[in-house]
Amino acid sequence: MRENPMSIELERLSENNLGALLEAAVADADPSEVMPPVAGEPGWTAQRKQAFLEFHRGRALRAEGPVELAYVITVDGRAVGAARLEFQGDSFEAGVWIGRSHRGRGVGRAVAGKLRIAAAAAGARRIVAVTTGDNTAARRLLPTATPVGEDGTVRAAFDLE
């Protein structure tokens, strides 16, 4: 018997699903993988959880206009990660994190395709992606990536035209 394929979707980030995104991050990711650094004890402290919420509210949910489009990645209706498209002129910089238990299952590849569609629909002509040199899963999705830079990053650009 063949298993049903996973239903992988991008839901626009809102106050209604921000809590589910935080729950997914706490359950299945390290804070350093999903948000800027916060001083203090390691792990998901109350301070770090609040900083996670404030980070998203200050970027994608800003009343005065977002600096990025952010999405909750869902698999079979459950939040498992986030994706973003940050405005940069006529292009977007893409970013993605996926919870550990969903990595290596094709979620990243599906999300990359959905981000290309979302960026084109928003009028972008190009997507730029940056990752670390040791992120082999992300690098497999970036076939036109430039070599690792001095800072350990890999950069790729995709034209949408």
C-alpha atoms as a PDB file:
ATOM      1  CA  MET A   1       0.000   0.000   0.000  1.00  0.00           C
ATOM      2  CA  ARG A   2       1.353   3.405  -0.969  1.00  0.00           C
ATOM      3  CA  GLU A   3       1.477   6.192   1.628  1.00  0.00           C
ATOM      4  CA  ASN A   4      -0.343   9.446   0.975  1.00  0.00           C
ATOM      5  CA  PRO A   5       2.051  12.227   0.037  1.00  0.00           C
ATOM      6  CA  MET A   6       2.585  14.991   2.560  1.00  0.00           C
ATOM      7  CA  SER A   7       0.583  18.167   2.108  1.00  0.00           C
ATOM      8  CA  ILE A   8       3.180  20.952   2.309  1.00  0.00           C
ATOM      9  CA  GLU A   9       1.847  24.519   2.331  1.00  0.00           C
ATOM     10  CA  LEU A  10       2.960  28.061   3.038  1.00  0.00           C
ATOM     11  CA  GLU A  11       0.534  30.054   5.190  1.00  0.00           C
ATOM     12  CA  ARG A  12       1.122  33.794   5.406  1.00  0.00           C
ATOM     13  CA  LEU A  13       2.341  34.604   8.933  1.00  0.00           C
ATOM     14  CA  SER A  14      -0.272  36.350  11.091  1.00  0.00           C
ATOM     15  CA  GLU A  15      -1.021  36.850  14.764  1.00  0.00           C
ATOM     16  CA  ASN A  16      -3.354  33.853  14.402  1.00  0.00           C
ATOM     17  CA  ASN A  17      -0.573  31.381  13.526  1.00  0.00           C
ATOM     18  CA  LEU A  18       2.439  33.029  15.203  1.00  0.00           C
ATOM     19  CA  GLY A  19       1.856  30.996  18.385  1.00  0.00           C
ATOM     20  CA  ALA A  20       1.876  27.743  16.406  1.00  0.00           C
ATOM     21  CA  LEU A  21       5.147  28.788  14.780  1.00  0.00           C
ATOM     22  CA  LEU A  22       6.702  29.438  18.195  1.00  0.00           C
ATOM     23  CA  GLU A  23       5.472  26.032  19.414  1.00  0.00           C
ATOM     24  CA  ALA A  24       7.090  24.360  16.391  1.00  0.00           C
ATOM     25  CA  ALA A  25      10.358  26.180  17.016  1.00  0.00           C
ATOM     26  CA  VAL A  26      10.442  25.288  20.719  1.00  0.00           C
ATOM     27  CA  ALA A  27       9.589  21.639  20.054  1.00  0.00           C
ATOM     28  CA  ASP A  28      11.843  21.011  17.088  1.00  0.00           C
ATOM     29  CA  ALA A  29      14.616  23.606  16.652  1.00  0.00           C
ATOM     30  CA  ASP A  30      17.400  25.325  18.513  1.00  0.00           C
ATOM     31  CA  PRO A  31      16.923  29.077  19.022  1.00  0.00           C
ATOM     32  CA  SER A  32      20.141  29.779  17.097  1.00  0.00           C
ATOM     33  CA  GLU A  33      18.584  28.145  14.014  1.00  0.00           C
ATOM     34  CA  VAL A  34      15.450  30.287  13.936  1.00  0.00           C
ATOM     35  CA  MET A  35      16.169  33.756  15.319  1.00  0.00           C
ATOM     36  CA  PRO A  36      18.887  36.299  16.073  1.00  0.00           C
ATOM     37  CA  PRO A  37      20.965  35.648  19.199  1.00  0.00           C
ATOM     38  CA  VAL A  38      19.592  36.583  22.618  1.00  0.00           C
ATOM     39  CA  ALA A  39      21.906  36.829  25.631  1.00  0.00           C
ATOM     40  CA  GLY A  40      21.317  34.582  28.603  1.00  0.00           C
ATOM     41  CA  GLU A  41      21.020  30.928  29.446  1.00  0.00           C
ATOM     42  CA  PRO A  42      20.912  28.533  26.482  1.00  0.00           C
ATOM     43  CA  GLY A  43      17.669  27.024  25.241  1.00  0.00           C
ATOM     44  CA  TRP A  44      14.129  28.283  24.963  1.00  0.00           C
ATOM     45  CA  THR A  45      13.881  30.599  27.961  1.00  0.00           C
ATOM     46  CA  ALA A  46      10.842  32.837  28.511  1.00  0.00           C
ATOM     47  CA  GLN A  47      12.993  35.774  27.366  1.00  0.00           C
ATOM     48  CA  ARG A  48      13.974  33.985  24.157  1.00  0.00           C
ATOM     49  CA  LYS A  49      10.372  32.985  23.394  1.00  0.00           C
ATOM     50  CA  GLN A  50       9.296  36.615  23.798  1.00  0.00           C
ATOM     51  CA  ALA A  51      12.179  37.743  21.572  1.00  0.00           C
ATOM     52  CA  PHE A  52      11.047  35.260  18.896  1.00  0.00           C
ATOM     53  CA  LEU A  53       7.545  36.768  18.903  1.00  0.00           C
ATOM     54  CA  GLU A  54       8.896  40.343  18.883  1.00  0.00           C
ATOM     55  CA  PHE A  55      11.285  39.508  16.031  1.00  0.00           C
ATOM     56  CA  HIS A  56       8.428  38.402  13.781  1.00  0.00           C
ATOM     57  CA  ARG A  57       6.127  41.208  14.871  1.00  0.00           C
ATOM     58  CA  GLY A  58       8.887  43.715  14.128  1.00  0.00           C
ATOM     59  CA  ARG A  59       9.578  42.398  10.627  1.00  0.00           C
ATOM     60  CA  ALA A  60       6.618  40.650   8.996  1.00  0.00           C
ATOM     61  CA  LEU A  61       3.727  41.872  11.147  1.00  0.00           C
ATOM     62  CA  ARG A  62       4.647  45.565  11.447  1.00  0.00           C
ATOM     63  CA  ALA A  63       1.660  47.905  11.341  1.00  0.00           C
ATOM     64  CA  GLU A  64       3.666  50.453   9.337  1.00  0.00           C
ATOM     65  CA  GLY A  65       4.453  47.896   6.641  1.00  0.00           C
ATOM     66  CA  PRO A  66       6.458  44.682   6.708  1.00  0.00           C
ATOM     67  CA  VAL A  67      10.101  44.459   5.695  1.00  0.00           C
ATOM     68  CA  GLU A  68       9.513  40.883   4.584  1.00  0.00           C
ATOM     69  CA  LEU A  69       6.822  38.425   3.639  1.00  0.00           C
ATOM     70  CA  ALA A  70       6.864  35.585   6.153  1.00  0.00           C
ATOM     71  CA  TYR A  71       5.141  32.224   5.972  1.00  0.00           C
ATOM     72  CA  VAL A  72       4.486  29.344   8.325  1.00  0.00           C
ATOM     73  CA  ILE A  73       5.468  26.065   6.669  1.00  0.00           C
ATOM     74  CA  THR A  74       2.820  23.449   7.374  1.00  0.00           C
ATOM     75  CA  VAL A  75       2.955  19.725   6.763  1.00  0.00           C
ATOM     76  CA  ASP A  76      -0.442  18.062   6.860  1.00  0.00           C
ATOM     77  CA  GLY A  77      -1.825  21.186   8.549  1.00  0.00           C
ATOM     78  CA  ARG A  78       0.781  21.362  11.324  1.00  0.00           C
ATOM     79  CA  ALA A  79       3.412  24.122  11.659  1.00  0.00           C
ATOM     80  CA  VAL A  80       6.915  22.721  11.109  1.00  0.00           C
ATOM     81  CA  GLY A  81       8.989  25.768  10.162  1.00  0.00           C
ATOM     82  CA  ALA A  82       9.067  29.193   8.551  1.00  0.00           C
ATOM     83  CA  ALA A  83      10.036  30.799   5.267  1.00  0.00           C
ATOM     84  CA  ARG A  84      10.593  34.426   4.419  1.00  0.00           C
ATOM     85  CA  LEU A  85      11.089  36.706   1.450  1.00  0.00           C
ATOM     86  CA  GLU A  86      12.857  39.931   2.433  1.00  0.00           C
ATOM     87  CA  PHE A  87      12.346  42.912   0.124  1.00  0.00           C
ATOM     88  CA  GLN A  88      15.506  44.027  -1.682  1.00  0.00           C
ATOM     89  CA  GLY A  89      14.561  46.265  -4.605  1.00  0.00           C
ATOM     90  CA  ASP A  90      13.332  44.098  -7.472  1.00  0.00           C
ATOM     91  CA  SER A  91      14.456  40.923  -5.731  1.00  0.00           C
ATOM     92  CA  PHE A  92      13.830  39.044  -2.492  1.00  0.00           C
ATOM     93  CA  GLU A  93      16.275  37.363  -0.183  1.00  0.00           C
ATOM     94  CA  ALA A  94      14.824  33.991   0.827  1.00  0.00           C
ATOM     95  CA  GLY A  95      15.258  32.296   4.170  1.00  0.00           C
ATOM     96  CA  VAL A  96      13.900  29.004   5.489  1.00  0.00           C
ATOM     97  CA  TRP A  97      14.085  26.946   8.655  1.00  0.00           C
ATOM     98  CA  ILE A  98      12.518  23.546   9.080  1.00  0.00           C
ATOM     99  CA  GLY A  99      12.159  21.644  12.346  1.00  0.00           C
ATOM    100  CA  ARG A 100      14.605  18.779  12.799  1.00  0.00           C
ATOM    101  CA  SER A 101      11.982  16.022  12.591  1.00  0.00           C
ATOM    102  CA  HIS A 102      10.902  17.194   9.115  1.00  0.00           C
ATOM    103  CA  ARG A 103      14.332  17.638   7.562  1.00  0.00           C
ATOM    104  CA  GLY A 104      15.408  15.275   4.805  1.00  0.00           C
ATOM    105  CA  ARG A 105      11.820  14.514   3.769  1.00  0.00           C
ATOM    106  CA  GLY A 106      11.445  16.824   0.749  1.00  0.00           C
ATOM    107  CA  VAL A 107       9.906  19.719   2.664  1.00  0.00           C
ATOM    108  CA  GLY A 108      12.723  22.129   1.738  1.00  0.00           C
ATOM    109  CA  ARG A 109      12.460  21.369  -1.965  1.00  0.00           C
ATOM    110  CA  ALA A 110       8.682  21.889  -1.925  1.00  0.00           C
ATOM    111  CA  VAL A 111       9.065  25.146   0.021  1.00  0.00           C
ATOM    112  CA  ALA A 112      11.713  26.442  -2.414  1.00  0.00           C
ATOM    113  CA  GLY A 113       9.294  25.951  -5.301  1.00  0.00           C
ATOM    114  CA  LYS A 114       6.464  27.650  -3.421  1.00  0.00           C
ATOM    115  CA  LEU A 115       8.722  30.593  -2.519  1.00  0.00           C
ATOM    116  CA  ARG A 116       9.596  31.085  -6.193  1.00  0.00           C
ATOM    117  CA  ILE A 117       5.876  31.276  -7.011  1.00  0.00           C
ATOM    118  CA  ALA A 118       5.184  33.691  -4.125  1.00  0.00           C
ATOM    119  CA  ALA A 119       8.101  35.949  -5.107  1.00  0.00           C
ATOM    120  CA  ALA A 120       7.007  36.096  -8.743  1.00  0.00           C
ATOM    121  CA  ALA A 121       3.425  36.865  -7.669  1.00  0.00           C
ATOM    122  CA  ALA A 122       4.765  39.736  -5.533  1.00  0.00           C
ATOM    123  CA  GLY A 123       6.568  41.177  -8.561  1.00  0.00           C
ATOM    124  CA  ALA A 124      10.135  40.105  -7.826  1.00  0.00           C
ATOM    125  CA  ARG A 125      12.442  39.354 -10.725  1.00  0.00           C
ATOM    126  CA  ARG A 126      15.015  37.454  -8.673  1.00  0.00           C
ATOM    127  CA  ILE A 127      15.436  35.467  -5.463  1.00  0.00           C
ATOM    128  CA  VAL A 128      18.720  35.485  -3.588  1.00  0.00           C
ATOM    129  CA  ALA A 129      19.509  32.801  -1.016  1.00  0.00           C
ATOM    130  CA  VAL A 130      22.370  32.793   1.463  1.00  0.00           C
ATOM    131  CA  THR A 131      23.344  29.898   3.715  1.00  0.00           C
ATOM    132  CA  THR A 132      26.351  28.581   5.572  1.00  0.00           C
ATOM    133  CA  GLY A 133      28.914  26.421   3.843  1.00  0.00           C
ATOM    134  CA  ASP A 134      28.169  23.487   6.133  1.00  0.00           C
ATOM    135  CA  ASN A 135      24.399  23.480   5.449  1.00  0.00           C
ATOM    136  CA  THR A 136      24.508  20.675   2.891  1.00  0.00           C
ATOM    137  CA  ALA A 137      20.711  20.299   2.680  1.00  0.00           C
ATOM    138  CA  ALA A 138      20.272  23.954   1.704  1.00  0.00           C
ATOM    139  CA  ARG A 139      23.244  23.807  -0.659  1.00  0.00           C
ATOM    140  CA  ARG A 140      21.605  20.954  -2.588  1.00  0.00           C
ATOM    141  CA  LEU A 141      18.712  23.338  -3.306  1.00  0.00           C
ATOM    142  CA  LEU A 142      21.138  25.988  -4.608  1.00  0.00           C
ATOM    143  CA  PRO A 143      22.709  24.459  -7.727  1.00  0.00           C
ATOM    144  CA  THR A 144      23.992  27.829  -8.977  1.00  0.00           C
ATOM    145  CA  ALA A 145      25.571  28.774  -5.664  1.00  0.00           C
ATOM    146  CA  THR A 146      28.825  30.658  -5.539  1.00  0.00           C
ATOM    147  CA  PRO A 147      31.681  29.148  -3.536  1.00  0.00           C
ATOM    148  CA  VAL A 148      31.900  29.578   0.203  1.00  0.00           C
ATOM    149  CA  GLY A 149      33.023  33.109   1.038  1.00  0.00           C
ATOM    150  CA  GLU A 150      35.514  34.177   3.678  1.00  0.00           C
ATOM    151  CA  ASP A 151      32.678  34.454   6.200  1.00  0.00           C
ATOM    152  CA  GLY A 152      31.598  30.845   5.504  1.00  0.00           C
ATOM    153  CA  THR A 153      28.522  31.749   3.473  1.00  0.00           C
ATOM    154  CA  VAL A 154      27.242  30.429   0.153  1.00  0.00           C
ATOM    155  CA  ARG A 155      25.153  32.682  -2.082  1.00  0.00           C
ATOM    156  CA  ALA A 156      22.844  31.802  -4.980  1.00  0.00           C
ATOM    157  CA  ALA A 157      20.525  33.855  -7.188  1.00  0.00           C
ATOM    158  CA  PHE A 158      17.550  32.635  -9.211  1.00  0.00           C
ATOM    159  CA  ASP A 159      16.003  34.716 -11.969  1.00  0.00           C
ATOM    160  CA  LEU A 160      12.226  34.451 -12.051  1.00  0.00           C
ATOM    161  CA  GLU A 161      11.659  35.762 -15.587  1.00  0.00           C
END
